[in-house]
Amino acid sequence: MENGALYRKENYDLGNGVFLSERQVSVLKQLGLGLSNKQIAHNLGVAEPTIKMHVSSLLRAFHVQNRVQILLKAKEMGFI
């Protein structure tokens, strides 16, 4: 997926009818930069608990148990 490309729902299809939201994609990209929840929250102008919620939803969406696994799976699937 090309960096800077416009968000397109069909580009973030995880299968079985599960798609990443635009906000989840934003959080995923910042996770890929190695940023903390606090840094991501600041960058996106939201509260840190909101980022924790998005990370939790990414864990469920990718069927993994930690942030590193999110990134490995996302890279394997071509999302980052």
N, C-alpha and C. Protein backbone atom coordinates (compact mmCIF):
# COMPACT_ATOMS: atom_id res chain seq x y z
N MET A 1 0.84 -1.17 0.00
CA MET A 1 0.00 0.00 0.00
C MET A 1 0.89 1.23 0.00
N GLU A 2 0.59 2.15 -0.82
CA GLU A 2 1.42 3.33 -0.97
C GLU A 2 1.17 4.32 0.16
N ASN A 3 2.25 4.82 0.79
CA ASN A 3 2.09 5.83 1.84
C ASN A 3 1.49 7.08 1.25
N GLY A 4 0.58 7.69 2.00
CA GLY A 4 -0.04 8.92 1.55
C GLY A 4 -1.25 8.69 0.66
N ALA A 5 -1.53 7.44 0.29
CA ALA A 5 -2.71 7.15 -0.52
C ALA A 5 -3.96 7.45 0.29
N LEU A 6 -5.00 7.86 -0.39
CA LEU A 6 -6.26 8.11 0.29
C LEU A 6 -6.79 6.82 0.89
N TYR A 7 -7.46 6.97 2.02
CA TYR A 7 -8.06 5.80 2.67
C TYR A 7 -9.17 5.25 1.78
N ARG A 8 -9.11 3.97 1.52
CA ARG A 8 -10.17 3.27 0.80
C ARG A 8 -10.48 2.01 1.57
N LYS A 9 -11.72 1.89 2.00
CA LYS A 9 -12.13 0.78 2.85
C LYS A 9 -11.70 -0.56 2.27
N GLU A 10 -11.87 -0.74 0.98
CA GLU A 10 -11.55 -2.03 0.37
C GLU A 10 -10.06 -2.36 0.45
N ASN A 11 -9.21 -1.36 0.66
CA ASN A 11 -7.78 -1.60 0.81
C ASN A 11 -7.43 -2.19 2.17
N TYR A 12 -8.37 -2.13 3.10
CA TYR A 12 -8.11 -2.58 4.46
C TYR A 12 -9.07 -3.69 4.87
N ASP A 13 -9.31 -4.61 3.95
CA ASP A 13 -10.17 -5.76 4.18
C ASP A 13 -9.35 -6.87 4.82
N LEU A 14 -9.70 -7.26 6.04
CA LEU A 14 -8.99 -8.31 6.74
C LEU A 14 -9.58 -9.69 6.45
N GLY A 15 -10.62 -9.72 5.67
CA GLY A 15 -11.29 -10.97 5.37
C GLY A 15 -12.47 -11.18 6.29
N ASN A 16 -13.37 -12.07 5.89
CA ASN A 16 -14.57 -12.37 6.68
C ASN A 16 -15.39 -11.13 6.99
N GLY A 17 -15.38 -10.16 6.09
CA GLY A 17 -16.19 -8.96 6.28
C GLY A 17 -15.64 -7.98 7.30
N VAL A 18 -14.40 -8.14 7.73
CA VAL A 18 -13.79 -7.24 8.71
C VAL A 18 -12.90 -6.25 7.97
N PHE A 19 -13.16 -4.96 8.18
CA PHE A 19 -12.39 -3.89 7.58
C PHE A 19 -11.84 -2.99 8.68
N LEU A 20 -10.64 -2.46 8.47
CA LEU A 20 -10.11 -1.47 9.40
C LEU A 20 -10.75 -0.12 9.09
N SER A 21 -11.07 0.62 10.14
CA SER A 21 -11.60 1.97 9.96
C SER A 21 -10.46 2.92 9.61
N GLU A 22 -10.81 4.08 9.15
CA GLU A 22 -9.80 5.08 8.82
C GLU A 22 -8.96 5.43 10.05
N ARG A 23 -9.60 5.54 11.19
CA ARG A 23 -8.88 5.87 12.43
C ARG A 23 -7.95 4.73 12.84
N GLN A 24 -8.42 3.50 12.69
CA GLN A 24 -7.57 2.34 13.00
C GLN A 24 -6.34 2.34 12.10
N VAL A 25 -6.52 2.69 10.86
CA VAL A 25 -5.39 2.75 9.92
C VAL A 25 -4.41 3.83 10.37
N SER A 26 -4.92 4.98 10.81
CA SER A 26 -4.04 6.04 11.31
C SER A 26 -3.24 5.57 12.51
N VAL A 27 -3.91 4.90 13.43
CA VAL A 27 -3.23 4.39 14.63
C VAL A 27 -2.21 3.33 14.21
N LEU A 28 -2.58 2.44 13.31
CA LEU A 28 -1.69 1.39 12.84
C LEU A 28 -0.41 1.97 12.24
N LYS A 29 -0.55 2.99 11.43
CA LYS A 29 0.63 3.61 10.80
C LYS A 29 1.54 4.23 11.85
N GLN A 30 0.96 4.83 12.88
CA GLN A 30 1.79 5.44 13.91
C GLN A 30 2.41 4.38 14.82
N LEU A 31 1.71 3.28 15.02
CA LEU A 31 2.33 2.16 15.74
C LEU A 31 3.57 1.69 14.97
N GLY A 32 3.45 1.68 13.65
CA GLY A 32 4.56 1.27 12.79
C GLY A 32 5.77 2.18 12.91
N LEU A 33 5.55 3.40 13.36
CA LEU A 33 6.65 4.34 13.58
C LEU A 33 7.27 4.16 14.96
N GLY A 34 6.70 3.25 15.74
CA GLY A 34 7.23 2.97 17.08
C GLY A 34 6.77 3.95 18.14
N LEU A 35 5.68 4.68 17.87
CA LEU A 35 5.21 5.68 18.82
C LEU A 35 4.42 5.03 19.95
N SER A 36 4.46 5.68 21.10
CA SER A 36 3.70 5.22 22.27
C SER A 36 2.24 5.66 22.12
N ASN A 37 1.38 5.07 22.94
CA ASN A 37 -0.03 5.49 22.94
C ASN A 37 -0.15 6.99 23.21
N LYS A 38 0.65 7.48 24.15
CA LYS A 38 0.60 8.90 24.50
C LYS A 38 0.99 9.76 23.31
N GLN A 39 2.04 9.38 22.59
CA GLN A 39 2.48 10.15 21.42
C GLN A 39 1.42 10.11 20.31
N ILE A 40 0.84 8.93 20.10
CA ILE A 40 -0.19 8.80 19.07
C ILE A 40 -1.40 9.67 19.42
N ALA A 41 -1.80 9.62 20.69
CA ALA A 41 -2.94 10.43 21.14
C ALA A 41 -2.68 11.90 20.88
N HIS A 42 -1.48 12.35 21.22
CA HIS A 42 -1.13 13.76 20.98
C HIS A 42 -1.20 14.09 19.49
N ASN A 43 -0.61 13.23 18.66
CA ASN A 43 -0.58 13.47 17.22
C ASN A 43 -1.97 13.51 16.60
N LEU A 44 -2.88 12.67 17.11
CA LEU A 44 -4.22 12.60 16.55
C LEU A 44 -5.23 13.50 17.27
N GLY A 45 -4.78 14.14 18.33
CA GLY A 45 -5.64 15.07 19.06
C GLY A 45 -6.77 14.39 19.81
N VAL A 46 -6.48 13.22 20.37
CA VAL A 46 -7.47 12.49 21.15
C VAL A 46 -6.86 12.09 22.48
N ALA A 47 -7.69 11.57 23.37
CA ALA A 47 -7.22 11.13 24.68
C ALA A 47 -6.51 9.78 24.56
N GLU A 48 -5.56 9.55 25.44
CA GLU A 48 -4.81 8.29 25.44
C GLU A 48 -5.71 7.06 25.58
N PRO A 49 -6.76 7.10 26.43
CA PRO A 49 -7.64 5.92 26.50
C PRO A 49 -8.31 5.59 25.15
N THR A 50 -8.51 6.60 24.33
CA THR A 50 -9.08 6.37 23.00
C THR A 50 -8.11 5.55 22.15
N ILE A 51 -6.84 5.85 22.24
CA ILE A 51 -5.83 5.10 21.50
C ILE A 51 -5.76 3.68 22.03
N LYS A 52 -5.84 3.52 23.34
CA LYS A 52 -5.84 2.18 23.93
C LYS A 52 -7.01 1.36 23.38
N MET A 53 -8.15 2.00 23.22
CA MET A 53 -9.32 1.33 22.66
C MET A 53 -9.05 0.91 21.21
N HIS A 54 -8.43 1.78 20.43
CA HIS A 54 -8.12 1.45 19.04
C HIS A 54 -7.09 0.32 18.95
N VAL A 55 -6.09 0.35 19.82
CA VAL A 55 -5.10 -0.72 19.82
C VAL A 55 -5.77 -2.04 20.19
N SER A 56 -6.67 -2.01 21.17
CA SER A 56 -7.41 -3.22 21.54
C SER A 56 -8.23 -3.75 20.37
N SER A 57 -8.85 -2.85 19.63
CA SER A 57 -9.65 -3.30 18.48
C SER A 57 -8.75 -3.86 17.38
N LEU A 58 -7.55 -3.30 17.23
CA LEU A 58 -6.59 -3.84 16.25
C LEU A 58 -6.13 -5.24 16.67
N LEU A 59 -5.91 -5.43 17.97
CA LEU A 59 -5.53 -6.75 18.47
C LEU A 59 -6.60 -7.78 18.11
N ARG A 60 -7.85 -7.42 18.33
CA ARG A 60 -8.96 -8.34 18.00
C ARG A 60 -9.06 -8.54 16.49
N ALA A 61 -8.95 -7.47 15.73
CA ALA A 61 -9.10 -7.56 14.27
C ALA A 61 -8.04 -8.46 13.64
N PHE A 62 -6.80 -8.37 14.14
CA PHE A 62 -5.72 -9.17 13.59
C PHE A 62 -5.56 -10.52 14.29
N HIS A 63 -6.35 -10.74 15.33
CA HIS A 63 -6.29 -12.00 16.10
C HIS A 63 -4.89 -12.24 16.65
N VAL A 64 -4.35 -11.21 17.31
CA VAL A 64 -3.02 -11.29 17.91
C VAL A 64 -3.08 -10.81 19.35
N GLN A 65 -1.93 -10.91 20.05
CA GLN A 65 -1.93 -10.60 21.48
C GLN A 65 -1.11 -9.39 21.89
N ASN A 66 -0.31 -8.83 20.98
CA ASN A 66 0.47 -7.65 21.37
C ASN A 66 0.75 -6.76 20.16
N ARG A 67 1.30 -5.58 20.45
CA ARG A 67 1.55 -4.58 19.42
C ARG A 67 2.52 -5.06 18.35
N VAL A 68 3.55 -5.77 18.76
CA VAL A 68 4.53 -6.27 17.79
C VAL A 68 3.84 -7.21 16.81
N GLN A 69 2.98 -8.07 17.33
CA GLN A 69 2.26 -9.00 16.46
C GLN A 69 1.32 -8.27 15.52
N ILE A 70 0.72 -7.17 15.98
CA ILE A 70 -0.12 -6.35 15.09
C ILE A 70 0.72 -5.92 13.89
N LEU A 71 1.90 -5.38 14.18
CA LEU A 71 2.75 -4.85 13.12
C LEU A 71 3.25 -5.94 12.19
N LEU A 72 3.61 -7.08 12.74
CA LEU A 72 4.07 -8.19 11.90
C LEU A 72 2.95 -8.66 10.97
N LYS A 73 1.76 -8.80 11.52
CA LYS A 73 0.62 -9.26 10.71
C LYS A 73 0.25 -8.19 9.67
N ALA A 74 0.25 -6.93 10.07
CA ALA A 74 -0.10 -5.85 9.14
C ALA A 74 0.91 -5.77 8.00
N LYS A 75 2.19 -5.97 8.33
CA LYS A 75 3.21 -5.96 7.28
C LYS A 75 3.04 -7.16 6.35
N GLU A 76 2.78 -8.32 6.93
CA GLU A 76 2.57 -9.54 6.15
C GLU A 76 1.39 -9.37 5.18
N MET A 77 0.36 -8.64 5.61
CA MET A 77 -0.82 -8.44 4.79
C MET A 77 -0.68 -7.25 3.86
N GLY A 78 0.44 -6.52 3.96
CA GLY A 78 0.68 -5.39 3.06
C GLY A 78 0.03 -4.09 3.45
N PHE A 79 -0.37 -3.97 4.72
CA PHE A 79 -1.02 -2.74 5.17
C PHE A 79 -0.05 -1.65 5.58
N ILE A 80 1.17 -2.06 5.92
CA ILE A 80 2.19 -1.07 6.28
C ILE A 80 3.51 -1.49 5.64
